[in-house]
Amino acid sequence: MVLLVTSASGANGSGYGKLLAFDPDGEALGPFSEDARIVDPRGLGVFGSLVFVNSGSDRILALDGKGRVARETGAIPGLNPGGGNFGPDGRYYVGLRAARTIMAFAPTLDGSGEAALPSAVVPFPRGFAFGDDGTLFLASGIGPGGEGDNAILAFGPEGTINSSWKVQDPVLSPLDLTIAPNGNVIVSSERPFGAPDAMTTIREYDRSDGRLVRVFAPDRGTEFRKPRGLRFGPDGELYCVAQDEVVAFDFATGKSLGPVVRLPGLNGQAVIFFG
């Protein structure tokens, strides 16, 4: 089992621009793959024995346990993929930054993708995930150019907005979203987005109505700057990748467990366990 982290590069920061691997103790193992098609990597998803990675080269790739490309879409002009997650129908869903929507791809990565929501459904899509009942929760955050809003939307199976699910949280500015074992919605937040003194937290919302349940905050020994990708590990703990580190939280108690990975220059975007 390895911990994989995408580290942005170029306009997104001064990070490595690689899909990086770490052992269970947080020791850096180097790039998981050196394939030249992996450029400024973003979202991640695991399907069976493959890990899917969204590349800034406008394509999606699926890698085997040795980091070799087993499947790929080929370049899709204008794709500009962000986050990734598998849906209840087994398809791989991808947030599209420029089109401001979500697209679904067959796990074989052959054929064209299918729009899961209308174009420009939100000003700037951040993370998204599916609840146990098929509800699609989508974080709408602030884009690199300052465009966007700070909201979380819930969509039913037919793509209609569930107006009874509403988050009212004045300090929310979402960056990624995942579903907890209890079914609640978990979001990493940086408010104001991009500010050096931003309040950085992880926030839990009730799955039934969007009510704020609790706030996870780092301990004093953790910098927790620019929190981004969220995943639950096989141990049930919550992991969040941030600038220069990956931080773990005990989900049951909400206690910060501190950094499990420290790597100067890490500009983390997504995190996942694989293998």
Protein backbone atom coordinates (compact mmCIF):
# COMPACT_ATOMS: atom_id res chain seq x y z
CA MET A 1 0.00 0.00 0.00
CA VAL A 2 1.35 3.41 -0.99
CA LEU A 3 0.06 6.92 -0.46
CA LEU A 4 -0.14 8.80 -3.76
CA VAL A 5 -0.21 12.59 -4.02
CA THR A 6 -0.50 14.79 -7.08
CA SER A 7 1.71 17.86 -6.84
CA ALA A 8 0.84 20.78 -9.12
CA SER A 9 3.28 22.78 -11.19
CA GLY A 10 3.40 25.76 -13.51
CA ALA A 11 0.65 28.31 -13.07
CA ASN A 12 -0.74 26.34 -10.13
CA GLY A 13 2.39 26.68 -8.03
CA SER A 14 6.04 25.78 -7.74
CA GLY A 15 5.42 22.12 -6.91
CA TYR A 16 6.91 19.07 -8.55
CA GLY A 17 4.38 18.54 -11.33
CA LYS A 18 4.45 14.81 -10.56
CA LEU A 19 2.41 11.97 -9.15
CA LEU A 20 4.42 11.22 -6.01
CA ALA A 21 4.48 8.07 -3.87
CA PHE A 22 5.07 7.69 -0.13
CA ASP A 23 5.35 4.58 2.01
CA PRO A 24 3.05 3.98 5.03
CA ASP A 25 5.55 5.78 7.28
CA GLY A 26 5.47 8.90 5.11
CA GLU A 27 8.89 8.36 3.51
CA ALA A 28 9.14 9.72 -0.02
CA LEU A 29 9.53 7.03 -2.69
CA GLY A 30 9.83 9.44 -5.60
CA PRO A 31 7.54 9.72 -8.65
CA PHE A 32 5.08 6.84 -8.96
CA SER A 33 5.34 7.16 -12.74
CA GLU A 34 7.70 9.03 -15.03
CA ASP A 35 5.36 8.84 -18.03
CA ALA A 36 5.63 12.10 -19.98
CA ARG A 37 1.85 12.25 -20.42
CA ILE A 38 1.46 13.04 -16.71
CA VAL A 39 1.72 16.82 -16.64
CA ASP A 40 0.59 19.04 -13.75
CA PRO A 41 -1.48 16.14 -12.33
CA ARG A 42 -4.72 16.78 -10.47
CA GLY A 43 -7.52 14.43 -9.38
CA LEU A 44 -7.12 10.72 -8.57
CA GLY A 45 -9.36 7.66 -8.39
CA VAL A 46 -8.83 3.93 -7.80
CA PHE A 47 -10.69 1.23 -9.71
CA GLY A 48 -9.62 -2.34 -9.01
CA SER A 49 -5.90 -2.67 -9.68
CA LEU A 50 -5.60 0.68 -11.47
CA VAL A 51 -5.18 4.25 -10.30
CA PHE A 52 -6.68 6.95 -12.51
CA VAL A 53 -4.95 10.32 -12.76
CA ASN A 54 -6.18 13.54 -14.37
CA SER A 55 -3.39 15.19 -16.32
CA GLY A 56 -2.99 18.83 -17.18
CA SER A 57 -2.16 17.64 -20.70
CA ASP A 58 -5.95 17.33 -21.24
CA ARG A 59 -6.16 13.59 -20.76
CA ILE A 60 -6.95 10.88 -18.23
CA LEU A 61 -4.62 7.96 -17.64
CA ALA A 62 -4.98 4.70 -15.72
CA LEU A 63 -1.78 3.28 -14.20
CA ASP A 64 -1.01 -0.20 -12.95
CA GLY A 65 0.82 -1.01 -9.72
CA LYS A 66 4.19 -0.34 -11.35
CA GLY A 67 3.21 3.10 -12.63
CA ARG A 68 2.80 1.95 -16.23
CA VAL A 69 0.00 3.39 -18.37
CA ALA A 70 -2.62 0.68 -18.89
CA ARG A 71 -5.35 2.88 -20.37
CA GLU A 72 -5.73 6.48 -21.49
CA THR A 73 -8.21 8.74 -23.24
CA GLY A 74 -5.65 10.40 -25.46
CA ALA A 75 -5.57 14.17 -25.57
CA ILE A 76 -9.03 15.78 -25.41
CA PRO A 77 -8.69 19.45 -26.44
CA GLY A 78 -10.06 21.79 -23.79
CA LEU A 79 -10.66 19.05 -21.20
CA ASN A 80 -8.77 20.87 -18.42
CA PRO A 81 -9.64 18.22 -15.80
CA GLY A 82 -9.70 18.92 -12.07
CA GLY A 83 -10.88 16.47 -9.41
CA GLY A 84 -11.85 12.85 -10.02
CA ASN A 85 -14.09 10.27 -8.36
CA PHE A 86 -15.81 7.04 -9.29
CA GLY A 87 -19.59 7.09 -9.25
CA PRO A 88 -22.10 4.44 -8.18
CA ASP A 89 -22.49 3.40 -11.84
CA GLY A 90 -18.78 2.49 -12.06
CA ARG A 91 -17.88 5.39 -14.32
CA TYR A 92 -15.03 7.80 -13.63
CA TYR A 93 -16.31 11.34 -13.06
CA VAL A 94 -14.07 14.34 -13.70
CA GLY A 95 -14.50 18.00 -12.83
CA LEU A 96 -13.91 20.27 -15.83
CA ARG A 97 -12.38 23.58 -14.85
CA ALA A 98 -13.00 25.50 -18.07
CA ALA A 99 -16.44 24.03 -18.88
CA ARG A 100 -17.40 24.39 -15.18
CA THR A 101 -19.19 21.07 -14.98
CA ILE A 102 -18.62 17.33 -14.46
CA MET A 103 -18.08 14.69 -17.16
CA ALA A 104 -18.27 10.89 -16.84
CA PHE A 105 -16.01 8.38 -18.58
CA ALA A 106 -16.25 4.61 -18.90
CA PRO A 107 -13.55 2.93 -16.77
CA THR A 108 -12.08 1.55 -19.98
CA LEU A 109 -11.38 5.18 -20.99
CA ASP A 110 -12.49 4.43 -24.54
CA GLY A 111 -15.06 6.55 -26.29
CA SER A 112 -15.97 10.13 -25.47
CA GLY A 113 -17.09 11.35 -22.08
CA GLU A 114 -20.68 12.18 -21.22
CA ALA A 115 -21.77 15.35 -19.44
CA ALA A 116 -23.12 14.50 -15.99
CA LEU A 117 -24.36 18.05 -15.32
CA PRO A 118 -25.07 21.05 -17.56
CA SER A 119 -22.20 23.23 -18.73
CA ALA A 120 -21.38 26.15 -16.40
CA VAL A 121 -23.45 24.59 -13.63
CA VAL A 122 -21.22 26.38 -11.09
CA PRO A 123 -18.76 29.29 -11.44
CA PHE A 124 -15.76 27.11 -10.52
CA PRO A 125 -16.07 23.40 -9.60
CA ARG A 126 -13.90 22.11 -6.80
CA GLY A 127 -14.32 18.68 -5.24
CA PHE A 128 -17.31 16.38 -5.59
CA ALA A 129 -18.41 12.94 -4.40
CA PHE A 130 -21.44 10.66 -4.39
CA GLY A 131 -23.49 9.82 -1.31
CA ASP A 132 -24.75 6.31 -0.63
CA ASP A 133 -28.12 7.18 -2.15
CA GLY A 134 -26.55 8.48 -5.37
CA THR A 135 -26.72 12.17 -4.47
CA LEU A 136 -23.91 14.10 -6.13
CA PHE A 137 -22.43 16.72 -3.80
CA LEU A 138 -20.45 19.40 -5.64
CA ALA A 139 -18.28 22.06 -4.00
CA SER A 140 -18.37 25.40 -5.79
CA GLY A 141 -15.33 27.44 -4.85
CA ILE A 142 -13.12 30.30 -5.98
CA GLY A 143 -11.03 29.93 -9.12
CA PRO A 144 -7.41 31.06 -9.62
CA GLY A 145 -8.64 34.32 -11.14
CA GLY A 146 -10.93 35.12 -8.21
CA GLU A 147 -14.11 34.04 -9.99
CA GLY A 148 -16.64 31.83 -8.23
CA ASP A 149 -18.62 31.55 -5.05
CA ASN A 150 -18.51 29.56 -1.81
CA ALA A 151 -21.22 26.95 -1.83
CA ILE A 152 -21.99 23.23 -1.88
CA LEU A 153 -24.78 21.90 -4.09
CA ALA A 154 -26.58 18.57 -3.94
CA PHE A 155 -27.90 16.97 -7.15
CA GLY A 156 -30.34 14.08 -7.37
CA PRO A 157 -29.93 11.15 -9.76
CA GLU A 158 -31.71 13.10 -12.52
CA GLY A 159 -29.33 16.05 -12.17
CA THR A 160 -31.84 18.27 -10.40
CA ILE A 161 -30.73 20.41 -7.47
CA ASN A 162 -31.98 19.31 -4.07
CA SER A 163 -33.15 22.64 -2.67
CA SER A 164 -33.84 21.16 0.77
CA TRP A 165 -30.11 20.49 1.24
CA LYS A 166 -28.47 23.84 1.93
CA VAL A 167 -25.19 24.86 3.53
CA GLN A 168 -25.25 28.16 5.39
CA ASP A 169 -21.69 28.70 6.58
CA PRO A 170 -20.22 32.21 6.21
CA VAL A 171 -16.61 31.08 6.66
CA LEU A 172 -16.72 28.28 4.07
CA SER A 173 -14.52 28.43 0.97
CA PRO A 174 -14.34 24.85 -0.34
CA LEU A 175 -11.36 23.22 -2.05
CA ASP A 176 -12.24 19.52 -2.04
CA LEU A 177 -15.06 17.28 -0.88
CA THR A 178 -15.44 13.68 0.23
CA ILE A 179 -18.05 11.51 1.93
CA ALA A 180 -17.40 10.24 5.45
CA PRO A 181 -18.14 6.68 6.64
CA ASN A 182 -21.21 8.09 8.42
CA GLY A 183 -22.47 9.57 5.14
CA ASN A 184 -21.79 13.20 6.03
CA VAL A 185 -20.11 15.63 3.65
CA ILE A 186 -16.51 16.59 4.47
CA VAL A 187 -14.91 19.67 2.91
CA SER A 188 -11.47 21.27 3.06
CA SER A 189 -11.73 25.05 3.30
CA GLU A 190 -9.47 28.09 2.92
CA ARG A 191 -11.14 31.42 3.65
CA PRO A 192 -10.37 33.89 2.13
CA PHE A 193 -9.09 31.75 -0.73
CA GLY A 194 -5.43 32.43 -1.51
CA ALA A 195 -4.87 34.79 1.43
CA PRO A 196 -1.60 34.31 3.38
CA ASP A 197 -3.52 34.50 6.66
CA ALA A 198 -6.51 32.43 5.51
CA MET A 199 -8.46 30.31 8.00
CA THR A 200 -7.76 26.70 6.99
CA THR A 201 -10.11 24.00 8.30
CA ILE A 202 -11.93 20.81 7.44
CA ARG A 203 -15.69 21.09 7.87
CA GLU A 204 -18.35 18.40 8.28
CA TYR A 205 -21.95 18.89 7.11
CA ASP A 206 -24.98 16.75 7.85
CA ARG A 207 -25.91 14.55 4.88
CA SER A 208 -29.64 15.17 5.33
CA ASP A 209 -29.85 18.98 5.40
CA GLY A 210 -26.38 20.57 5.06
CA ARG A 211 -26.16 21.71 8.68
CA LEU A 212 -22.61 22.31 9.95
CA VAL A 213 -21.80 19.46 12.34
CA ARG A 214 -18.23 20.20 13.43
CA VAL A 215 -14.95 21.77 12.39
CA PHE A 216 -11.57 20.00 12.27
CA ALA A 217 -8.61 22.27 12.87
CA PRO A 218 -4.88 21.48 12.83
CA ASP A 219 -2.86 21.41 16.04
CA ARG A 220 -0.25 24.04 16.78
CA GLY A 221 2.57 21.97 15.31
CA THR A 222 0.92 21.74 11.90
CA GLU A 223 1.08 24.56 9.37
CA PHE A 224 -1.84 23.28 7.23
CA ARG A 225 -1.45 25.86 4.49
CA LYS A 226 -3.47 25.55 1.26
CA PRO A 227 -5.46 22.41 2.17
CA ARG A 228 -6.73 20.62 -0.92
CA GLY A 229 -7.44 16.92 -1.56
CA LEU A 230 -9.30 14.78 1.00
CA ARG A 231 -9.53 10.98 1.35
CA PHE A 232 -10.29 8.47 4.04
CA GLY A 233 -7.57 5.88 4.51
CA PRO A 234 -7.95 2.14 5.08
CA ASP A 235 -7.51 2.87 8.81
CA GLY A 236 -10.63 5.06 8.81
CA GLU A 237 -8.61 8.21 9.42
CA LEU A 238 -9.09 11.33 7.33
CA TYR A 239 -6.17 12.57 5.23
CA CYS A 240 -5.77 16.02 3.69
CA VAL A 241 -2.94 17.10 1.41
CA ALA A 242 -1.69 20.65 1.85
CA GLN A 243 1.37 22.72 1.01
CA ASP A 244 4.54 20.83 2.05
CA GLU A 245 2.62 18.11 3.95
CA VAL A 246 -0.17 15.56 4.24
CA VAL A 247 -2.09 15.86 7.50
CA ALA A 248 -4.18 13.15 9.21
CA PHE A 249 -7.19 13.51 11.52
CA ASP A 250 -8.86 10.98 13.80
CA PHE A 251 -12.36 11.16 12.35
CA ALA A 252 -14.07 9.70 15.42
CA THR A 253 -12.72 12.37 17.77
CA GLY A 254 -11.88 15.14 15.31
CA LYS A 255 -8.36 15.35 16.75
CA SER A 256 -5.49 16.37 14.51
CA LEU A 257 -2.82 13.66 14.28
CA GLY A 258 -0.34 16.01 12.65
CA PRO A 259 1.62 15.59 9.42
CA VAL A 260 2.15 12.05 8.12
CA VAL A 261 4.17 13.39 5.19
CA ARG A 262 6.50 16.37 5.10
CA LEU A 263 8.02 17.38 1.76
CA PRO A 264 9.19 20.94 1.07
CA GLY A 265 7.85 22.18 -2.26
CA LEU A 266 4.87 19.81 -2.25
CA ASN A 267 1.96 21.65 -3.82
CA GLY A 268 -0.56 18.90 -3.15
CA GLN A 269 -3.81 18.65 -5.08
CA ALA A 270 -5.19 15.13 -4.49
CA VAL A 271 -4.34 12.21 -2.22
CA ILE A 272 -5.30 8.52 -2.33
CA PHE A 273 -4.20 5.11 -1.06
CA PHE A 274 -3.33 2.50 -3.68
CA GLY A 275 -2.17 -1.08 -3.71
